[in-house]
Amino acid sequence: VIHGKTKKISDQTVRRVQELLERRQYIPSMAGILLS
């Protein structure tokens, strides 16, 4: 999810992981990874 490889992962799981990453402040490195 962090590296954007989500083709085999359900949308619901992707959303749960992203929300927890944000809540646990894993965002600073996440934004750059998503854009890359």
Full PDB file with SEQRES, HELIX, SHEET, SSBOND, CRYST1, ORIGX, SCALE, CONECT and MASTER records, all heavy atoms in Angstrom:
SEQRES   1 A   36  VAL ILE HIS GLY LYS THR LYS LYS ILE SER ASP GLN THR          
SEQRES   2 A   36  VAL ARG ARG VAL GLN GLU LEU LEU GLU ARG ARG GLN TYR          
SEQRES   3 A   36  ILE PRO SER MET ALA GLY ILE LEU LEU SER                      
HELIX    1 AA1 ASP A   11  ARG A   23  1                                  13    
HELIX    2 AA2 ILE A   27  LEU A   35  1                                   9    
CRYST1    1.000    1.000    1.000  90.00  90.00  90.00 P 1           1          
ORIGX1      1.000000  0.000000  0.000000        0.00000                         
ORIGX2      0.000000  1.000000  0.000000        0.00000                         
ORIGX3      0.000000  0.000000  1.000000        0.00000                         
SCALE1      1.000000  0.000000  0.000000        0.00000                         
SCALE2      0.000000  1.000000  0.000000        0.00000                         
SCALE3      0.000000  0.000000  1.000000        0.00000                         
ATOM      1  N   VAL A   1       0.836  -1.197   0.000  1.00  0.00           N  
ATOM      2  CA  VAL A   1       0.000   0.000   0.000  1.00  0.00           C  
ATOM      3  C   VAL A   1       0.871   1.247   0.000  1.00  0.00           C  
ATOM      4  O   VAL A   1       0.638   2.198  -0.744  1.00  0.00           O  
ATOM      5  CB  VAL A   1      -0.958   0.000   1.208  1.00  0.00           C  
ATOM      6  CG1 VAL A   1      -1.674   1.354   1.318  1.00  0.00           C  
ATOM      7  CG2 VAL A   1      -1.995  -1.106   1.076  1.00  0.00           C  
ATOM      8  N   ILE A   2       1.912   1.237   0.831  1.00  0.00           N  
ATOM      9  CA  ILE A   2       2.809   2.388   0.922  1.00  0.00           C  
ATOM     10  C   ILE A   2       3.469   2.671  -0.417  1.00  0.00           C  
ATOM     11  O   ILE A   2       3.621   3.831  -0.829  1.00  0.00           O  
ATOM     12  CB  ILE A   2       3.880   2.158   2.009  1.00  0.00           C  
ATOM     13  CG1 ILE A   2       3.220   2.168   3.390  1.00  0.00           C  
ATOM     14  CG2 ILE A   2       4.968   3.226   1.937  1.00  0.00           C  
ATOM     15  CD1 ILE A   2       4.155   1.781   4.508  1.00  0.00           C  
ATOM     16  N   HIS A   3       3.806   1.620  -1.147  1.00  0.00           N  
ATOM     17  CA  HIS A   3       4.518   1.785  -2.406  1.00  0.00           C  
ATOM     18  C   HIS A   3       3.594   1.779  -3.622  1.00  0.00           C  
ATOM     19  O   HIS A   3       4.058   1.743  -4.766  1.00  0.00           O  
ATOM     20  CB  HIS A   3       5.585   0.684  -2.559  1.00  0.00           C  
ATOM     21  CG  HIS A   3       6.730   0.841  -1.603  1.00  0.00           C  
ATOM     22  ND1 HIS A   3       6.689   0.321  -0.321  1.00  0.00           N  
ATOM     23  CD2 HIS A   3       7.905   1.496  -1.716  1.00  0.00           C  
ATOM     24  CE1 HIS A   3       7.813   0.625   0.304  1.00  0.00           C  
ATOM     25  NE2 HIS A   3       8.564   1.339  -0.523  1.00  0.00           N  
ATOM     26  N   GLY A   4       2.289   1.816  -3.372  1.00  0.00           N  
ATOM     27  CA  GLY A   4       1.340   1.949  -4.473  1.00  0.00           C  
ATOM     28  C   GLY A   4       1.091   0.684  -5.250  1.00  0.00           C  
ATOM     29  O   GLY A   4       0.505   0.733  -6.332  1.00  0.00           O  
ATOM     30  N   LYS A   5       1.471  -0.465  -4.718  1.00  0.00           N  
ATOM     31  CA  LYS A   5       1.250  -1.737  -5.414  1.00  0.00           C  
ATOM     32  C   LYS A   5      -0.027  -2.373  -4.869  1.00  0.00           C  
ATOM     33  O   LYS A   5       0.012  -3.282  -4.033  1.00  0.00           O  
ATOM     34  CB  LYS A   5       2.451  -2.659  -5.221  1.00  0.00           C  
ATOM     35  CG  LYS A   5       3.764  -2.047  -5.734  1.00  0.00           C  
ATOM     36  CD  LYS A   5       4.947  -2.951  -5.422  1.00  0.00           C  
ATOM     37  CE  LYS A   5       6.257  -2.321  -5.918  1.00  0.00           C  
ATOM     38  NZ  LYS A   5       7.435  -3.156  -5.591  1.00  0.00           N  
ATOM     39  N   THR A   6      -1.143  -1.881  -5.363  1.00  0.00           N  
ATOM     40  CA  THR A   6      -2.423  -2.256  -4.748  1.00  0.00           C  
ATOM     41  C   THR A   6      -3.364  -3.039  -5.666  1.00  0.00           C  
ATOM     42  O   THR A   6      -4.539  -3.212  -5.341  1.00  0.00           O  
ATOM     43  CB  THR A   6      -3.152  -0.977  -4.279  1.00  0.00           C  
ATOM     44  OG1 THR A   6      -3.342  -0.118  -5.402  1.00  0.00           O  
ATOM     45  CG2 THR A   6      -2.349  -0.246  -3.218  1.00  0.00           C  
ATOM     46  N   LYS A   7      -2.886  -3.502  -6.804  1.00  0.00           N  
ATOM     47  CA  LYS A   7      -3.770  -4.188  -7.755  1.00  0.00           C  
ATOM     48  C   LYS A   7      -4.422  -5.428  -7.158  1.00  0.00           C  
ATOM     49  O   LYS A   7      -5.559  -5.768  -7.485  1.00  0.00           O  
ATOM     50  CB  LYS A   7      -2.999  -4.559  -9.015  1.00  0.00           C  
ATOM     51  CG  LYS A   7      -2.663  -3.369  -9.906  1.00  0.00           C  
ATOM     52  CD  LYS A   7      -2.026  -3.819 -11.206  1.00  0.00           C  
ATOM     53  CE  LYS A   7      -1.757  -2.627 -12.124  1.00  0.00           C  
ATOM     54  NZ  LYS A   7      -1.141  -3.048 -13.403  1.00  0.00           N  
ATOM     55  N   LYS A   8      -3.703  -6.134  -6.277  1.00  0.00           N  
ATOM     56  CA  LYS A   8      -4.219  -7.381  -5.704  1.00  0.00           C  
ATOM     57  C   LYS A   8      -4.775  -7.186  -4.295  1.00  0.00           C  
ATOM     58  O   LYS A   8      -5.034  -8.155  -3.583  1.00  0.00           O  
ATOM     59  CB  LYS A   8      -3.111  -8.439  -5.689  1.00  0.00           C  
ATOM     60  CG  LYS A   8      -2.624  -8.821  -7.088  1.00  0.00           C  
ATOM     61  CD  LYS A   8      -1.569  -9.906  -7.020  1.00  0.00           C  
ATOM     62  CE  LYS A   8      -1.093 -10.302  -8.421  1.00  0.00           C  
ATOM     63  NZ  LYS A   8      -0.053 -11.368  -8.379  1.00  0.00           N  
ATOM     64  N   ILE A   9      -4.940  -5.928  -3.887  1.00  0.00           N  
ATOM     65  CA  ILE A   9      -5.452  -5.624  -2.549  1.00  0.00           C  
ATOM     66  C   ILE A   9      -6.808  -4.943  -2.693  1.00  0.00           C  
ATOM     67  O   ILE A   9      -6.986  -4.079  -3.552  1.00  0.00           O  
ATOM     68  CB  ILE A   9      -4.482  -4.695  -1.773  1.00  0.00           C  
ATOM     69  CG1 ILE A   9      -3.078  -5.296  -1.747  1.00  0.00           C  
ATOM     70  CG2 ILE A   9      -4.975  -4.465  -0.344  1.00  0.00           C  
ATOM     71  CD1 ILE A   9      -2.037  -4.380  -1.121  1.00  0.00           C  
ATOM     72  N   SER A  10      -7.752  -5.309  -1.875  1.00  0.00           N  
ATOM     73  CA  SER A  10      -9.087  -4.727  -1.971  1.00  0.00           C  
ATOM     74  C   SER A  10      -9.057  -3.242  -1.627  1.00  0.00           C  
ATOM     75  O   SER A  10      -8.209  -2.786  -0.844  1.00  0.00           O  
ATOM     76  CB  SER A  10     -10.056  -5.445  -1.016  1.00  0.00           C  
ATOM     77  OG  SER A  10      -9.750  -5.135   0.324  1.00  0.00           O  
ATOM     78  N   ASP A  11      -9.999  -2.503  -2.201  1.00  0.00           N  
ATOM     79  CA  ASP A  11     -10.084  -1.067  -1.921  1.00  0.00           C  
ATOM     80  C   ASP A  11     -10.298  -0.805  -0.433  1.00  0.00           C  
ATOM     81  O   ASP A  11      -9.758   0.155   0.124  1.00  0.00           O  
ATOM     82  CB  ASP A  11     -11.235  -0.438  -2.718  1.00  0.00           C  
ATOM     83  CG  ASP A  11     -10.937  -0.361  -4.206  1.00  0.00           C  
ATOM     84  OD1 ASP A  11      -9.760  -0.483  -4.581  1.00  0.00           O  
ATOM     85  OD2 ASP A  11     -11.890  -0.171  -4.985  1.00  0.00           O  
ATOM     86  N   GLN A  12     -11.079  -1.673   0.214  1.00  0.00           N  
ATOM     87  CA  GLN A  12     -11.346  -1.489   1.634  1.00  0.00           C  
ATOM     88  C   GLN A  12     -10.067  -1.629   2.459  1.00  0.00           C  
ATOM     89  O   GLN A  12      -9.807  -0.827   3.367  1.00  0.00           O  
ATOM     90  CB  GLN A  12     -12.384  -2.507   2.107  1.00  0.00           C  
ATOM     91  CG  GLN A  12     -12.759  -2.347   3.579  1.00  0.00           C  
ATOM     92  CD  GLN A  12     -13.785  -3.374   4.030  1.00  0.00           C  
ATOM     93  OE1 GLN A  12     -14.064  -4.337   3.314  1.00  0.00           O  
ATOM     94  NE2 GLN A  12     -14.335  -3.180   5.214  1.00  0.00           N  
ATOM     95  N   THR A  13      -9.256  -2.631   2.133  1.00  0.00           N  
ATOM     96  CA  THR A  13      -8.001  -2.818   2.864  1.00  0.00           C  
ATOM     97  C   THR A  13      -7.047  -1.657   2.609  1.00  0.00           C  
ATOM     98  O   THR A  13      -6.381  -1.169   3.529  1.00  0.00           O  
ATOM     99  CB  THR A  13      -7.330  -4.144   2.449  1.00  0.00           C  
ATOM    100  OG1 THR A  13      -8.211  -5.226   2.784  1.00  0.00           O  
ATOM    101  CG2 THR A  13      -6.004  -4.347   3.165  1.00  0.00           C  
ATOM    102  N   VAL A  14      -6.971  -1.215   1.355  1.00  0.00           N  
ATOM    103  CA  VAL A  14      -6.117  -0.064   1.023  1.00  0.00           C  
ATOM    104  C   VAL A  14      -6.514   1.142   1.859  1.00  0.00           C  
ATOM    105  O   VAL A  14      -5.658   1.828   2.445  1.00  0.00           O  
ATOM    106  CB  VAL A  14      -6.217   0.279  -0.481  1.00  0.00           C  
ATOM    107  CG1 VAL A  14      -5.524   1.613  -0.777  1.00  0.00           C  
ATOM    108  CG2 VAL A  14      -5.596  -0.826  -1.326  1.00  0.00           C  
ATOM    109  N   ARG A  15      -7.816   1.380   1.947  1.00  0.00           N  
ATOM    110  CA  ARG A  15      -8.289   2.538   2.694  1.00  0.00           C  
ATOM    111  C   ARG A  15      -7.960   2.405   4.181  1.00  0.00           C  
ATOM    112  O   ARG A  15      -7.523   3.377   4.823  1.00  0.00           O  
ATOM    113  CB  ARG A  15      -9.796   2.701   2.508  1.00  0.00           C  
ATOM    114  CG  ARG A  15     -10.341   3.991   3.126  1.00  0.00           C  
ATOM    115  CD  ARG A  15     -11.824   4.188   2.857  1.00  0.00           C  
ATOM    116  NE  ARG A  15     -12.636   3.210   3.565  1.00  0.00           N  
ATOM    117  CZ  ARG A  15     -13.200   2.143   3.011  1.00  0.00           C  
ATOM    118  NH1 ARG A  15     -13.044   1.914   1.725  1.00  0.00           N  
ATOM    119  NH2 ARG A  15     -13.919   1.306   3.732  1.00  0.00           N  
ATOM    120  N   ARG A  16      -8.144   1.191   4.764  1.00  0.00           N  
ATOM    121  CA  ARG A  16      -7.856   0.981   6.193  1.00  0.00           C  
ATOM    122  C   ARG A  16      -6.378   1.220   6.490  1.00  0.00           C  
ATOM    123  O   ARG A  16      -6.032   1.862   7.482  1.00  0.00           O  
ATOM    124  CB  ARG A  16      -8.251  -0.440   6.590  1.00  0.00           C  
ATOM    125  CG  ARG A  16      -9.751  -0.694   6.629  1.00  0.00           C  
ATOM    126  CD  ARG A  16     -10.046  -2.142   6.966  1.00  0.00           C  
ATOM    127  NE  ARG A  16      -9.503  -2.498   8.275  1.00  0.00           N  
ATOM    128  CZ  ARG A  16      -8.911  -3.659   8.548  1.00  0.00           C  
ATOM    129  NH1 ARG A  16      -8.745  -4.575   7.588  1.00  0.00           N  
ATOM    130  NH2 ARG A  16      -8.463  -3.907   9.760  1.00  0.00           N  
ATOM    131  N   VAL A  17      -5.513   0.726   5.603  1.00  0.00           N  
ATOM    132  CA  VAL A  17      -4.077   0.899   5.814  1.00  0.00           C  
ATOM    133  C   VAL A  17      -3.707   2.383   5.700  1.00  0.00           C  
ATOM    134  O   VAL A  17      -2.977   2.916   6.547  1.00  0.00           O  
ATOM    135  CB  VAL A  17      -3.270   0.061   4.794  1.00  0.00           C  
ATOM    136  CG1 VAL A  17      -1.778   0.408   4.868  1.00  0.00           C  
ATOM    137  CG2 VAL A  17      -3.482  -1.424   5.038  1.00  0.00           C  
ATOM    138  N   GLN A  18      -4.234   3.053   4.672  1.00  0.00           N  
ATOM    139  CA  GLN A  18      -3.904   4.463   4.492  1.00  0.00           C  
ATOM    140  C   GLN A  18      -4.393   5.316   5.656  1.00  0.00           C  
ATOM    141  O   GLN A  18      -3.687   6.224   6.122  1.00  0.00           O  
ATOM    142  CB  GLN A  18      -4.508   4.974   3.176  1.00  0.00           C  
ATOM    143  CG  GLN A  18      -3.812   4.417   1.941  1.00  0.00           C  
ATOM    144  CD  GLN A  18      -4.500   4.837   0.659  1.00  0.00           C  
ATOM    145  OE1 GLN A  18      -5.673   5.184   0.663  1.00  0.00           O  
ATOM    146  NE2 GLN A  18      -3.773   4.789  -0.444  1.00  0.00           N  
ATOM    147  N   GLU A  19      -5.593   5.020   6.149  1.00  0.00           N  
ATOM    148  CA  GLU A  19      -6.130   5.792   7.272  1.00  0.00           C  
ATOM    149  C   GLU A  19      -5.288   5.607   8.529  1.00  0.00           C  
ATOM    150  O   GLU A  19      -5.032   6.570   9.269  1.00  0.00           O  
ATOM    151  CB  GLU A  19      -7.582   5.379   7.537  1.00  0.00           C  
ATOM    152  CG  GLU A  19      -8.554   5.873   6.471  1.00  0.00           C  
ATOM    153  CD  GLU A  19      -9.959   5.351   6.684  1.00  0.00           C  
ATOM    154  OE1 GLU A  19     -10.142   4.470   7.568  1.00  0.00           O  
ATOM    155  OE2 GLU A  19     -10.873   5.805   5.966  1.00  0.00           O  
ATOM    156  N   LEU A  20      -4.841   4.378   8.785  1.00  0.00           N  
ATOM    157  CA  LEU A  20      -4.020   4.151   9.977  1.00  0.00           C  
ATOM    158  C   LEU A  20      -2.633   4.761   9.814  1.00  0.00           C  
ATOM    159  O   LEU A  20      -2.062   5.289  10.769  1.00  0.00           O  
ATOM    160  CB  LEU A  20      -3.912   2.645  10.257  1.00  0.00           C  
ATOM    161  CG  LEU A  20      -3.214   2.290  11.585  1.00  0.00           C  
ATOM    162  CD1 LEU A  20      -3.914   2.971  12.763  1.00  0.00           C  
ATOM    163  CD2 LEU A  20      -3.178   0.781  11.788  1.00  0.00           C  
ATOM    164  N   LEU A  21      -2.098   4.709   8.597  1.00  0.00           N  
ATOM    165  CA  LEU A  21      -0.812   5.361   8.346  1.00  0.00           C  
ATOM    166  C   LEU A  21      -0.896   6.853   8.657  1.00  0.00           C  
ATOM    167  O   LEU A  21       0.031   7.441   9.249  1.00  0.00           O  
ATOM    168  CB  LEU A  21      -0.390   5.148   6.887  1.00  0.00           C  
ATOM    169  CG  LEU A  21       0.086   3.739   6.513  1.00  0.00           C  
ATOM    170  CD1 LEU A  21       0.181   3.608   5.006  1.00  0.00           C  
ATOM    171  CD2 LEU A  21       1.419   3.409   7.157  1.00  0.00           C  
ATOM    172  N   GLU A  22      -2.004   7.451   8.283  1.00  0.00           N  
ATOM    173  CA  GLU A  22      -2.188   8.868   8.578  1.00  0.00           C  
ATOM    174  C   GLU A  22      -2.339   9.097  10.076  1.00  0.00           C  
ATOM    175  O   GLU A  22      -1.730  10.001  10.657  1.00  0.00           O  
ATOM    176  CB  GLU A  22      -3.414   9.408   7.836  1.00  0.00           C  
ATOM    177  CG  GLU A  22      -3.249   9.468   6.326  1.00  0.00           C  
ATOM    178  CD  GLU A  22      -4.471  10.081   5.657  1.00  0.00           C  
ATOM    179  OE1 GLU A  22      -5.311  10.659   6.383  1.00  0.00           O  
ATOM    180  OE2 GLU A  22      -4.581   9.968   4.426  1.00  0.00           O  
ATOM    181  N   ARG A  23      -3.184   8.268  10.698  1.00  0.00           N  
ATOM    182  CA  ARG A  23      -3.460   8.445  12.122  1.00  0.00           C  
ATOM    183  C   ARG A  23      -2.209   8.236  12.979  1.00  0.00           C  
ATOM    184  O   ARG A  23      -2.018   8.919  13.983  1.00  0.00           O  
ATOM    185  CB  ARG A  23      -4.567   7.472  12.538  1.00  0.00           C  
ATOM    186  CG  ARG A  23      -5.236   7.834  13.838  1.00  0.00           C  
ATOM    187  CD  ARG A  23      -6.609   7.206  13.975  1.00  0.00           C  
ATOM    188  NE  ARG A  23      -6.577   5.753  13.921  1.00  0.00           N  
ATOM    189  CZ  ARG A  23      -7.128   5.034  12.972  1.00  0.00           C  
ATOM    190  NH1 ARG A  23      -7.753   5.619  11.967  1.00  0.00           N  
ATOM    191  NH2 ARG A  23      -7.065   3.710  12.993  1.00  0.00           N  
ATOM    192  N   ARG A  24      -1.374   7.321  12.549  1.00  0.00           N  
ATOM    193  CA  ARG A  24      -0.139   7.031  13.302  1.00  0.00           C  
ATOM    194  C   ARG A  24       1.042   7.865  12.810  1.00  0.00           C  
ATOM    195  O   ARG A  24       2.180   7.617  13.142  1.00  0.00           O  
ATOM    196  CB  ARG A  24       0.192   5.532  13.193  1.00  0.00           C  
ATOM    197  CG  ARG A  24      -0.874   4.605  13.808  1.00  0.00           C  
ATOM    198  CD  ARG A  24      -0.974   4.752  15.312  1.00  0.00           C  
ATOM    199  NE  ARG A  24       0.268   4.353  15.948  1.00  0.00           N  
ATOM    200  CZ  ARG A  24       0.595   3.091  16.258  1.00  0.00           C  
ATOM    201  NH1 ARG A  24      -0.288   2.117  16.001  1.00  0.00           N  
ATOM    202  NH2 ARG A  24       1.740   2.798  16.823  1.00  0.00           N  
ATOM    203  N   GLN A  25       0.732   8.869  11.970  1.00  0.00           N  
ATOM    204  CA  GLN A  25       1.718   9.845  11.498  1.00  0.00           C  
ATOM    205  C   GLN A  25       2.846   9.206  10.692  1.00  0.00           C  
ATOM    206  O   GLN A  25       4.014   9.537  10.841  1.00  0.00           O  
ATOM    207  CB  GLN A  25       2.282  10.646  12.684  1.00  0.00           C  
ATOM    208  CG  GLN A  25       1.214  11.443  13.402  1.00  0.00           C  
ATOM    209  CD  GLN A  25       1.784  12.351  14.484  1.00  0.00           C  
ATOM    210  OE1 GLN A  25       2.955  12.279  14.810  1.00  0.00           O  
ATOM    211  NE2 GLN A  25       0.942  13.194  15.044  1.00  0.00           N  
ATOM    212  N   TYR A  26       2.450   8.311   9.813  1.00  0.00           N  
ATOM    213  CA  TYR A  26       3.399   7.719   8.876  1.00  0.00           C  
ATOM    214  C   TYR A  26       3.352   8.476   7.546  1.00  0.00           C  
ATOM    215  O   TYR A  26       3.837   8.027   6.549  1.00  0.00           O  
ATOM    216  CB  TYR A  26       3.038   6.247   8.646  1.00  0.00           C  
ATOM    217  CG  TYR A  26       4.185   5.411   8.104  1.00  0.00           C  
ATOM    218  CD1 TYR A  26       5.037   4.731   8.953  1.00  0.00           C  
ATOM    219  CD2 TYR A  26       4.398   5.309   6.738  1.00  0.00           C  
ATOM    220  CE1 TYR A  26       6.080   3.960   8.462  1.00  0.00           C  
ATOM    221  CE2 TYR A  26       5.444   4.552   6.233  1.00  0.00           C  
ATOM    222  CZ  TYR A  26       6.272   3.882   7.103  1.00  0.00           C  
ATOM    223  OH  TYR A  26       7.307   3.126   6.604  1.00  0.00           O  
ATOM    224  N   ILE A  27       2.739   9.676   7.547  1.00  0.00           N  
ATOM    225  CA  ILE A  27       2.481  10.416   6.317  1.00  0.00           C  
ATOM    226  C   ILE A  27       3.716  11.038   5.680  1.00  0.00           C  
ATOM    227  O   ILE A  27       3.841  11.026   4.470  1.00  0.00           O  
ATOM    228  CB  ILE A  27       1.409  11.498   6.551  1.00  0.00           C  
ATOM    229  CG1 ILE A  27       0.108  10.810   6.951  1.00  0.00           C  
ATOM    230  CG2 ILE A  27       1.192  12.370   5.339  1.00  0.00           C  
ATOM    231  CD1 ILE A  27      -0.997  11.757   7.314  1.00  0.00           C  
ATOM    232  N   PRO A  28       4.664  11.615   6.440  1.00  0.00           N  
ATOM    233  CA  PRO A  28       5.760  12.360   5.802  1.00  0.00           C  
ATOM    234  C   PRO A  28       6.466  11.627   4.685  1.00  0.00           C  
ATOM    235  O   PRO A  28       6.733  12.200   3.639  1.00  0.00           O  
ATOM    236  CB  PRO A  28       6.706  12.644   6.976  1.00  0.00           C  
ATOM    237  CG  PRO A  28       5.785  12.742   8.149  1.00  0.00           C  
ATOM    238  CD  PRO A  28       4.729  11.718   7.901  1.00  0.00           C  
ATOM    239  N   SER A  29       6.716  10.342   4.873  1.00  0.00           N  
ATOM    240  CA  SER A  29       7.377   9.597   3.807  1.00  0.00           C  
ATOM    241  C   SER A  29       6.386   9.060   2.796  1.00  0.00           C  
ATOM    242  O   SER A  29       6.748   8.690   1.690  1.00  0.00           O  
ATOM    243  CB  SER A  29       8.168   8.423   4.404  1.00  0.00           C  
ATOM    244  OG  SER A  29       7.300   7.554   5.099  1.00  0.00           O  
ATOM    245  N   MET A  30       5.111   9.053   3.166  1.00  0.00           N  
ATOM    246  CA  MET A  30       4.098   8.448   2.312  1.00  0.00           C  
ATOM    247  C   MET A  30       3.782   9.312   1.094  1.00  0.00           C  
ATOM    248  O   MET A  30       3.605   8.805  -0.015  1.00  0.00           O  
ATOM    249  CB  MET A  30       2.818   8.214   3.120  1.00  0.00           C  
ATOM    250  CG  MET A  30       1.773   7.387   2.401  1.00  0.00           C  
ATOM    251  SD  MET A  30       0.353   7.091   3.452  1.00  0.00           S  
ATOM    252  CE  MET A  30      -0.697   6.214   2.302  1.00  0.00           C  
ATOM    253  N   ALA A  31       3.706  10.638   1.284  1.00  0.00           N  
ATOM    254  CA  ALA A  31       3.328  11.506   0.176  1.00  0.00           C  
ATOM    255  C   ALA A  31       4.296  11.390  -0.990  1.00  0.00           C  
ATOM    256  O   ALA A  31       3.896  11.245  -2.147  1.00  0.00           O  
ATOM    257  CB  ALA A  31       3.268  12.954   0.654  1.00  0.00           C  
ATOM    258  N   GLY A  32       5.584  11.418  -0.685  1.00  0.00           N  
ATOM    259  CA  GLY A  32       6.583  11.302  -1.748  1.00  0.00           C  
ATOM    260  C   GLY A  32       6.531   9.953  -2.427  1.00  0.00           C  
ATOM    261  O   GLY A  32       6.707   9.846  -3.647  1.00  0.00           O  
ATOM    262  N   ILE A  33       6.292   8.901  -1.657  1.00  0.00           N  
ATOM    263  CA  ILE A  33       6.214   7.556  -2.233  1.00  0.00           C  
ATOM    264  C   ILE A  33       5.035   7.446  -3.189  1.00  0.00           C  
ATOM    265  O   ILE A  33       5.148   6.919  -4.295  1.00  0.00           O  
ATOM    266  CB  ILE A  33       6.085   6.503  -1.106  1.00  0.00           C  
ATOM    267  CG1 ILE A  33       7.400   6.433  -0.323  1.00  0.00           C  
ATOM    268  CG2 ILE A  33       5.735   5.145  -1.679  1.00  0.00           C  
ATOM    269  CD1 ILE A  33       7.311   5.597   0.932  1.00  0.00           C  
ATOM    270  N   LEU A  34       3.882   7.981  -2.778  1.00  0.00           N  
ATOM    271  CA  LEU A  34       2.707   7.912  -3.642  1.00  0.00           C  
ATOM    272  C   LEU A  34       2.945   8.604  -4.973  1.00  0.00           C  
ATOM    273  O   LEU A  34       2.589   8.093  -6.030  1.00  0.00           O  
ATOM    274  CB  LEU A  34       1.499   8.542  -2.939  1.00  0.00           C  
ATOM    275  CG  LEU A  34       0.870   7.731  -1.806  1.00  0.00           C  
ATOM    276  CD1 LEU A  34      -0.206   8.541  -1.128  1.00  0.00           C  
ATOM    277  CD2 LEU A  34       0.312   6.417  -2.314  1.00  0.00           C  
ATOM    278  N   LEU A  35       3.552   9.789  -4.910  1.00  0.00           N  
ATOM    279  CA  LEU A  35       3.778  10.558  -6.126  1.00  0.00           C  
ATOM    280  C   LEU A  35       4.808   9.911  -7.043  1.00  0.00           C  
ATOM    281  O   LEU A  35       4.841  10.173  -8.238  1.00  0.00           O  
ATOM    282  CB  LEU A  35       4.226  11.981  -5.770  1.00  0.00           C  
ATOM    283  CG  LEU A  35       3.117  12.867  -5.176  1.00  0.00           C  
ATOM    284  CD1 LEU A  35       3.703  14.175  -4.681  1.00  0.00           C  
ATOM    285  CD2 LEU A  35       2.031  13.136  -6.195  1.00  0.00           C  
ATOM    286  N   SER A  36       5.671   9.067  -6.490  1.00  0.00           N  
ATOM    287  CA  SER A  36       6.733   8.455  -7.291  1.00  0.00           C  
ATOM    288  C   SER A  36       6.287   7.169  -7.974  1.00  0.00           C  
ATOM    289  O   SER A  36       6.988   6.648  -8.830  1.00  0.00           O  
ATOM    290  CB  SER A  36       7.953   8.156  -6.402  1.00  0.00           C  
ATOM    291  OG  SER A  36       7.637   7.123  -5.476  1.00  0.00           O  
TER     292      SER A  36                                                      
MASTER        0    0    0    2    0    0    0    6  291    1    0    3          
END                                                                             
